[in-house]
Amino acid sequence: MSKPEIPLKQPIVDEYEPGTYAWCACGKSSKQPFCDGSHKGTEFNPIIEKIQEKKKLAWCGCKHSSKKPFCDGSHKNL
């Protein structure tokens, strides 16, 4: 399996409204942390996350978290 690109070595932290989000798993999207379709032709697919209530989230920016799509601190070891 290929490894994703590393667009950031930090999480993307912000408050998010309820809704459905497509987290970029390949690292190629120009709309990080979300998918823009750049994964087409690769083995990667976005991870769909449904948020039920407004909350602060830390999306993984390095694409290497073991808790995808959320940050687990893996970027500190890259």
PDB file of N, CA and C in Angstrom:
ATOM      1  N   MET A   1       0.841  -1.194   0.000  1.00  0.00           N
ATOM      2  CA  MET A   1       0.000   0.000   0.000  1.00  0.00           C
ATOM      3  C   MET A   1       0.875   1.242   0.000  1.00  0.00           C
ATOM      4  N   SER A   2       0.511   2.202  -0.792  1.00  0.00           N
ATOM      5  CA  SER A   2       1.233   3.467  -0.875  1.00  0.00           C
ATOM      6  C   SER A   2       1.007   4.297   0.383  1.00  0.00           C
ATOM      7  N   LYS A   3       1.950   5.172   0.654  1.00  0.00           N
ATOM      8  CA  LYS A   3       1.799   6.098   1.771  1.00  0.00           C
ATOM      9  C   LYS A   3       1.245   7.414   1.231  1.00  0.00           C
ATOM     10  N   PRO A   4       0.392   8.073   2.020  1.00  0.00           N
ATOM     11  CA  PRO A   4      -0.142   9.357   1.583  1.00  0.00           C
ATOM     12  C   PRO A   4       0.915  10.456   1.625  1.00  0.00           C
ATOM     13  N   GLU A   5       0.692  11.499   0.849  1.00  0.00           N
ATOM     14  CA  GLU A   5       1.554  12.680   0.934  1.00  0.00           C
ATOM     15  C   GLU A   5       1.313  13.348   2.279  1.00  0.00           C
ATOM     16  N   ILE A   6       2.276  14.149   2.726  1.00  0.00           N
ATOM     17  CA  ILE A   6       2.169  14.853   4.011  1.00  0.00           C
ATOM     18  C   ILE A   6       2.010  16.346   3.724  1.00  0.00           C
ATOM     19  N   PRO A   7       0.757  16.828   3.637  1.00  0.00           N
ATOM     20  CA  PRO A   7       0.563  18.241   3.337  1.00  0.00           C
ATOM     21  C   PRO A   7       0.887  19.174   4.501  1.00  0.00           C
ATOM     22  N   LEU A   8       0.706  18.697   5.734  1.00  0.00           N
ATOM     23  CA  LEU A   8       0.955  19.509   6.936  1.00  0.00           C
ATOM     24  C   LEU A   8       1.521  18.630   8.042  1.00  0.00           C
ATOM     25  N   LYS A   9       2.330  19.200   8.888  1.00  0.00           N
ATOM     26  CA  LYS A   9       2.821  18.464  10.058  1.00  0.00           C
ATOM     27  C   LYS A   9       2.195  19.047  11.322  1.00  0.00           C
ATOM     28  N   GLN A  10       0.875  19.223  11.240  1.00  0.00           N
ATOM     29  CA  GLN A  10       0.083  19.733  12.360  1.00  0.00           C
ATOM     30  C   GLN A  10      -1.383  19.453  12.061  1.00  0.00           C
ATOM     31  N   PRO A  11      -2.221  19.434  13.079  1.00  0.00           N
ATOM     32  CA  PRO A  11      -3.649  19.239  12.834  1.00  0.00           C
ATOM     33  C   PRO A  11      -4.300  20.523  12.330  1.00  0.00           C
ATOM     34  N   ILE A  12      -5.475  20.380  11.756  1.00  0.00           N
ATOM     35  CA  ILE A  12      -6.297  21.519  11.350  1.00  0.00           C
ATOM     36  C   ILE A  12      -7.409  21.598  12.391  1.00  0.00           C
ATOM     37  N   VAL A  13      -7.334  22.594  13.249  1.00  0.00           N
ATOM     38  CA  VAL A  13      -8.261  22.710  14.375  1.00  0.00           C
ATOM     39  C   VAL A  13      -9.194  23.892  14.149  1.00  0.00           C
ATOM     40  N   ASP A  14     -10.494  23.626  14.298  1.00  0.00           N
ATOM     41  CA  ASP A  14     -11.488  24.677  14.140  1.00  0.00           C
ATOM     42  C   ASP A  14     -12.820  24.152  14.672  1.00  0.00           C
ATOM     43  N   GLU A  15     -13.801  25.020  14.734  1.00  0.00           N
ATOM     44  CA  GLU A  15     -15.141  24.627  15.134  1.00  0.00           C
ATOM     45  C   GLU A  15     -15.940  24.327  13.870  1.00  0.00           C
ATOM     46  N   TYR A  16     -16.657  23.206  13.875  1.00  0.00           N
ATOM     47  CA  TYR A  16     -17.387  22.761  12.692  1.00  0.00           C
ATOM     48  C   TYR A  16     -18.866  22.607  12.994  1.00  0.00           C
ATOM     49  N   GLU A  17     -19.670  22.990  12.010  1.00  0.00           N
ATOM     50  CA  GLU A  17     -21.121  22.872  12.083  1.00  0.00           C
ATOM     51  C   GLU A  17     -21.525  21.427  11.787  1.00  0.00           C
ATOM     52  N   PRO A  18     -22.734  21.022  12.212  1.00  0.00           N
ATOM     53  CA  PRO A  18     -23.214  19.685  11.871  1.00  0.00           C
ATOM     54  C   PRO A  18     -23.239  19.518  10.341  1.00  0.00           C
ATOM     55  N   GLY A  19     -22.908  18.329   9.897  1.00  0.00           N
ATOM     56  CA  GLY A  19     -22.904  18.054   8.468  1.00  0.00           C
ATOM     57  C   GLY A  19     -22.042  16.857   8.146  1.00  0.00           C
ATOM     58  N   THR A  20     -21.880  16.607   6.862  1.00  0.00           N
ATOM     59  CA  THR A  20     -21.075  15.494   6.376  1.00  0.00           C
ATOM     60  C   THR A  20     -19.814  16.057   5.741  1.00  0.00           C
ATOM     61  N   TYR A  21     -18.674  15.546   6.165  1.00  0.00           N
ATOM     62  CA  TYR A  21     -17.382  16.027   5.699  1.00  0.00           C
ATOM     63  C   TYR A  21     -16.604  14.874   5.073  1.00  0.00           C
ATOM     64  N   ALA A  22     -15.912  15.144   3.979  1.00  0.00           N
ATOM     65  CA  ALA A  22     -15.083  14.142   3.305  1.00  0.00           C
ATOM     66  C   ALA A  22     -13.621  14.520   3.536  1.00  0.00           C
ATOM     67  N   TRP A  23     -12.977  13.817   4.450  1.00  0.00           N
ATOM     68  CA  TRP A  23     -11.587  14.073   4.810  1.00  0.00           C
ATOM     69  C   TRP A  23     -10.653  13.480   3.762  1.00  0.00           C
ATOM     70  N   CYS A  24      -9.698  14.260   3.298  1.00  0.00           N
ATOM     71  CA  CYS A  24      -8.723  13.822   2.305  1.00  0.00           C
ATOM     72  C   CYS A  24      -7.771  12.808   2.936  1.00  0.00           C
ATOM     73  N   ALA A  25      -7.679  11.615   2.350  1.00  0.00           N
ATOM     74  CA  ALA A  25      -6.789  10.573   2.861  1.00  0.00           C
ATOM     75  C   ALA A  25      -5.482  10.490   2.077  1.00  0.00           C
ATOM     76  N   CYS A  26      -5.449  11.049   0.865  1.00  0.00           N
ATOM     77  CA  CYS A  26      -4.258  10.918   0.010  1.00  0.00           C
ATOM     78  C   CYS A  26      -3.220  12.004   0.258  1.00  0.00           C
ATOM     79  N   GLY A  27      -3.659  13.148   0.783  1.00  0.00           N
ATOM     80  CA  GLY A  27      -2.757  14.262   1.036  1.00  0.00           C
ATOM     81  C   GLY A  27      -2.559  15.187  -0.148  1.00  0.00           C
ATOM     82  N   LYS A  28      -3.251  14.935  -1.270  1.00  0.00           N
ATOM     83  CA  LYS A  28      -3.059  15.733  -2.479  1.00  0.00           C
ATOM     84  C   LYS A  28      -4.057  16.880  -2.645  1.00  0.00           C
ATOM     85  N   SER A  29      -5.107  16.901  -1.858  1.00  0.00           N
ATOM     86  CA  SER A  29      -6.153  17.906  -2.016  1.00  0.00           C
ATOM     87  C   SER A  29      -5.630  19.323  -1.790  1.00  0.00           C
ATOM     88  N   SER A  30      -6.119  20.254  -2.571  1.00  0.00           N
ATOM     89  CA  SER A  30      -5.779  21.667  -2.377  1.00  0.00           C
ATOM     90  C   SER A  30      -6.720  22.319  -1.360  1.00  0.00           C
ATOM     91  N   LYS A  31      -7.684  21.546  -0.857  1.00  0.00           N
ATOM     92  CA  LYS A  31      -8.666  22.053   0.109  1.00  0.00           C
ATOM     93  C   LYS A  31      -8.509  21.358   1.462  1.00  0.00           C
ATOM     94  N   GLN A  32      -7.275  21.135   1.900  1.00  0.00           N
ATOM     95  CA  GLN A  32      -7.004  20.423   3.154  1.00  0.00           C
ATOM     96  C   GLN A  32      -7.786  21.021   4.317  1.00  0.00           C
ATOM     97  N   PRO A  33      -8.336  20.201   5.191  1.00  0.00           N
ATOM     98  CA  PRO A  33      -8.167  18.756   5.289  1.00  0.00           C
ATOM     99  C   PRO A  33      -9.184  17.961   4.476  1.00  0.00           C
ATOM    100  N   PHE A  34      -9.947  18.642   3.636  1.00  0.00           N
ATOM    101  CA  PHE A  34     -11.046  17.987   2.942  1.00  0.00           C
ATOM    102  C   PHE A  34     -10.700  17.607   1.509  1.00  0.00           C
ATOM    103  N   CYS A  35     -11.436  16.649   0.999  1.00  0.00           N
ATOM    104  CA  CYS A  35     -11.204  16.078  -0.327  1.00  0.00           C
ATOM    105  C   CYS A  35     -11.648  17.024  -1.444  1.00  0.00           C
ATOM    106  N   ASP A  36     -10.836  17.092  -2.497  1.00  0.00           N
ATOM    107  CA  ASP A  36     -11.219  17.829  -3.703  1.00  0.00           C
ATOM    108  C   ASP A  36     -11.205  16.920  -4.940  1.00  0.00           C
ATOM    109  N   GLY A  37     -11.091  15.606  -4.714  1.00  0.00           N
ATOM    110  CA  GLY A  37     -11.084  14.648  -5.811  1.00  0.00           C
ATOM    111  C   GLY A  37      -9.705  14.306  -6.344  1.00  0.00           C
ATOM    112  N   SER A  38      -8.660  14.855  -5.753  1.00  0.00           N
ATOM    113  CA  SER A  38      -7.293  14.618  -6.236  1.00  0.00           C
ATOM    114  C   SER A  38      -6.842  13.162  -6.105  1.00  0.00           C
ATOM    115  N   HIS A  39      -7.563  12.366  -5.331  1.00  0.00           N
ATOM    116  CA  HIS A  39      -7.209  10.961  -5.135  1.00  0.00           C
ATOM    117  C   HIS A  39      -7.549  10.086  -6.345  1.00  0.00           C
ATOM    118  N   LYS A  40      -8.301  10.611  -7.288  1.00  0.00           N
ATOM    119  CA  LYS A  40      -8.714   9.801  -8.447  1.00  0.00           C
ATOM    120  C   LYS A  40      -7.495   9.186  -9.125  1.00  0.00           C
ATOM    121  N   GLY A  41      -7.557   7.890  -9.382  1.00  0.00           N
ATOM    122  CA  GLY A  41      -6.451   7.176  -9.988  1.00  0.00           C
ATOM    123  C   GLY A  41      -5.458   6.627  -8.978  1.00  0.00           C
ATOM    124  N   THR A  42      -5.732   6.815  -7.676  1.00  0.00           N
ATOM    125  CA  THR A  42      -4.869   6.267  -6.621  1.00  0.00           C
ATOM    126  C   THR A  42      -5.658   5.220  -5.847  1.00  0.00           C
ATOM    127  N   GLU A  43      -5.037   4.584  -4.903  1.00  0.00           N
ATOM    128  CA  GLU A  43      -5.725   3.603  -4.070  1.00  0.00           C
ATOM    129  C   GLU A  43      -6.441   4.239  -2.881  1.00  0.00           C
ATOM    130  N   PHE A  44      -6.350   5.562  -2.750  1.00  0.00           N
ATOM    131  CA  PHE A  44      -6.941   6.266  -1.615  1.00  0.00           C
ATOM    132  C   PHE A  44      -8.376   6.701  -1.908  1.00  0.00           C
ATOM    133  N   ASN A  45      -9.158   6.762  -0.850  1.00  0.00           N
ATOM    134  CA  ASN A  45     -10.515   7.294  -0.895  1.00  0.00           C
ATOM    135  C   ASN A  45     -10.712   8.169   0.328  1.00  0.00           C
ATOM    136  N   PRO A  46     -11.538   9.201   0.213  1.00  0.00           N
ATOM    137  CA  PRO A  46     -11.773  10.052   1.380  1.00  0.00           C
ATOM    138  C   PRO A  46     -12.506   9.278   2.474  1.00  0.00           C
ATOM    139  N   ILE A  47     -12.350   9.739   3.698  1.00  0.00           N
ATOM    140  CA  ILE A  47     -13.090   9.180   4.829  1.00  0.00           C
ATOM    141  C   ILE A  47     -14.247  10.133   5.104  1.00  0.00           C
ATOM    142  N   ILE A  48     -15.448   9.583   5.092  1.00  0.00           N
ATOM    143  CA  ILE A  48     -16.651  10.386   5.312  1.00  0.00           C
ATOM    144  C   ILE A  48     -16.956  10.419   6.806  1.00  0.00           C
ATOM    145  N   GLU A  49     -17.084  11.607   7.333  1.00  0.00           N
ATOM    146  CA  GLU A  49     -17.356  11.801   8.762  1.00  0.00           C
ATOM    147  C   GLU A  49     -18.619  12.640   8.910  1.00  0.00           C
ATOM    148  N   LYS A  50     -19.585  12.125   9.668  1.00  0.00           N
ATOM    149  CA  LYS A  50     -20.836  12.855   9.916  1.00  0.00           C
ATOM    150  C   LYS A  50     -20.777  13.468  11.308  1.00  0.00           C
ATOM    151  N   ILE A  51     -20.911  14.778  11.355  1.00  0.00           N
ATOM    152  CA  ILE A  51     -20.882  15.525  12.613  1.00  0.00           C
ATOM    153  C   ILE A  51     -22.331  15.858  12.979  1.00  0.00           C
ATOM    154  N   GLN A  52     -22.739  15.445  14.169  1.00  0.00           N
ATOM    155  CA  GLN A  52     -24.130  15.620  14.591  1.00  0.00           C
ATOM    156  C   GLN A  52     -24.409  16.956  15.284  1.00  0.00           C
ATOM    157  N   GLU A  53     -23.368  17.528  15.889  1.00  0.00           N
ATOM    158  CA  GLU A  53     -23.554  18.792  16.605  1.00  0.00           C
ATOM    159  C   GLU A  53     -22.313  19.655  16.416  1.00  0.00           C
ATOM    160  N   LYS A  54     -22.494  20.957  16.554  1.00  0.00           N
ATOM    161  CA  LYS A  54     -21.372  21.879  16.412  1.00  0.00           C
ATOM    162  C   LYS A  54     -20.317  21.550  17.449  1.00  0.00           C
ATOM    163  N   LYS A  55     -19.054  21.405  16.996  1.00  0.00           N
ATOM    164  CA  LYS A  55     -17.979  21.094  17.938  1.00  0.00           C
ATOM    165  C   LYS A  55     -16.620  21.442  17.358  1.00  0.00           C
ATOM    166  N   LYS A  56     -15.658  21.572  18.246  1.00  0.00           N
ATOM    167  CA  LYS A  56     -14.277  21.839  17.858  1.00  0.00           C
ATOM    168  C   LYS A  56     -13.611  20.499  17.541  1.00  0.00           C
ATOM    169  N   LEU A  57     -12.961  20.422  16.377  1.00  0.00           N
ATOM    170  CA  LEU A  57     -12.311  19.191  15.939  1.00  0.00           C
ATOM    171  C   LEU A  57     -10.877  19.457  15.528  1.00  0.00           C
ATOM    172  N   ALA A  58     -10.051  18.433  15.661  1.00  0.00           N
ATOM    173  CA  ALA A  58      -8.652  18.482  15.216  1.00  0.00           C
ATOM    174  C   ALA A  58      -8.480  17.418  14.135  1.00  0.00           C
ATOM    175  N   TRP A  59      -8.642  17.823  12.869  1.00  0.00           N
ATOM    176  CA  TRP A  59      -8.474  16.913  11.737  1.00  0.00           C
ATOM    177  C   TRP A  59      -6.984  16.644  11.537  1.00  0.00           C
ATOM    178  N   CYS A  60      -6.637  15.416  11.197  1.00  0.00           N
ATOM    179  CA  CYS A  60      -5.248  15.059  10.924  1.00  0.00           C
ATOM    180  C   CYS A  60      -4.774  15.775   9.662  1.00  0.00           C
ATOM    181  N   GLY A  61      -3.656  16.464   9.758  1.00  0.00           N
ATOM    182  CA  GLY A  61      -3.093  17.171   8.610  1.00  0.00           C
ATOM    183  C   GLY A  61      -1.965  16.408   7.932  1.00  0.00           C
ATOM    184  N   CYS A  62      -1.379  15.432   8.647  1.00  0.00           N
ATOM    185  CA  CYS A  62      -0.240  14.680   8.096  1.00  0.00           C
ATOM    186  C   CYS A  62      -0.669  13.401   7.382  1.00  0.00           C
ATOM    187  N   LYS A  63      -1.909  12.971   7.601  1.00  0.00           N
ATOM    188  CA  LYS A  63      -2.490  11.777   6.974  1.00  0.00           C
ATOM    189  C   LYS A  63      -1.933  10.469   7.521  1.00  0.00           C
ATOM    190  N   HIS A  64      -1.225  10.495   8.650  1.00  0.00           N
ATOM    191  CA  HIS A  64      -0.629   9.287   9.220  1.00  0.00           C
ATOM    192  C   HIS A  64      -1.219   8.900  10.579  1.00  0.00           C
ATOM    193  N   SER A  65      -2.261   9.552  11.011  1.00  0.00           N
ATOM    194  CA  SER A  65      -2.879   9.264  12.304  1.00  0.00           C
ATOM    195  C   SER A  65      -3.454   7.847  12.343  1.00  0.00           C
ATOM    196  N   SER A  66      -3.390   7.216  13.493  1.00  0.00           N
ATOM    197  CA  SER A  66      -4.038   5.912  13.665  1.00  0.00           C
ATOM    198  C   SER A  66      -5.518   6.101  14.015  1.00  0.00           C
ATOM    199  N   LYS A  67      -5.931   7.352  14.203  1.00  0.00           N
ATOM    200  CA  LYS A  67      -7.327   7.666  14.525  1.00  0.00           C
ATOM    201  C   LYS A  67      -7.973   8.486  13.409  1.00  0.00           C
ATOM    202  N   LYS A  68      -7.593   8.203  12.173  1.00  0.00           N
ATOM    203  CA  LYS A  68      -8.114   8.941  11.013  1.00  0.00           C
ATOM    204  C   LYS A  68      -9.628   9.032  11.068  1.00  0.00           C
ATOM    205  N   PRO A  69     -10.191  10.181  10.819  1.00  0.00           N
ATOM    206  CA  PRO A  69      -9.608  11.373  10.231  1.00  0.00           C
ATOM    207  C   PRO A  69      -9.090  12.392  11.244  1.00  0.00           C
ATOM    208  N   PHE A  70      -9.031  12.007  12.504  1.00  0.00           N
ATOM    209  CA  PHE A  70      -8.647  12.964  13.535  1.00  0.00           C
ATOM    210  C   PHE A  70      -7.190  12.783  13.978  1.00  0.00           C
ATOM    211  N   CYS A  71      -6.609  13.850  14.479  1.00  0.00           N
ATOM    212  CA  CYS A  71      -5.211  13.877  14.881  1.00  0.00           C
ATOM    213  C   CYS A  71      -4.969  13.021  16.122  1.00  0.00           C
ATOM    214  N   ASP A  72      -3.861  12.267  16.106  1.00  0.00           N
ATOM    215  CA  ASP A  72      -3.430  11.521  17.287  1.00  0.00           C
ATOM    216  C   ASP A  72      -1.993  11.890  17.670  1.00  0.00           C
ATOM    217  N   GLY A  73      -1.448  12.936  17.045  1.00  0.00           N
ATOM    218  CA  GLY A  73      -0.091  13.381  17.345  1.00  0.00           C
ATOM    219  C   GLY A  73       0.995  12.725  16.501  1.00  0.00           C
ATOM    220  N   SER A  74       0.612  11.888  15.528  1.00  0.00           N
ATOM    221  CA  SER A  74       1.592  11.189  14.694  1.00  0.00           C
ATOM    222  C   SER A  74       2.528  12.139  13.949  1.00  0.00           C
ATOM    223  N   HIS A  75       2.074  13.356  13.683  1.00  0.00           N
ATOM    224  CA  HIS A  75       2.895  14.318  12.939  1.00  0.00           C
ATOM    225  C   HIS A  75       4.204  14.647  13.676  1.00  0.00           C
ATOM    226  N   LYS A  76       4.224  14.438  14.981  1.00  0.00           N
ATOM    227  CA  LYS A  76       5.444  14.734  15.767  1.00  0.00           C
ATOM    228  C   LYS A  76       6.577  13.776  15.460  1.00  0.00           C
ATOM    229  N   ASN A  77       6.260  12.629  14.857  1.00  0.00           N
ATOM    230  CA  ASN A  77       7.274  11.611  14.549  1.00  0.00           C
ATOM    231  C   ASN A  77       7.649  11.545  13.080  1.00  0.00           C
ATOM    232  N   LEU A  78       7.175  12.480  12.284  1.00  0.00           N
ATOM    233  CA  LEU A  78       7.471  12.460  10.844  1.00  0.00           C
ATOM    234  C   LEU A  78       8.690  13.290  10.502  1.00  0.00           C
TER     235      LEU A  78
END
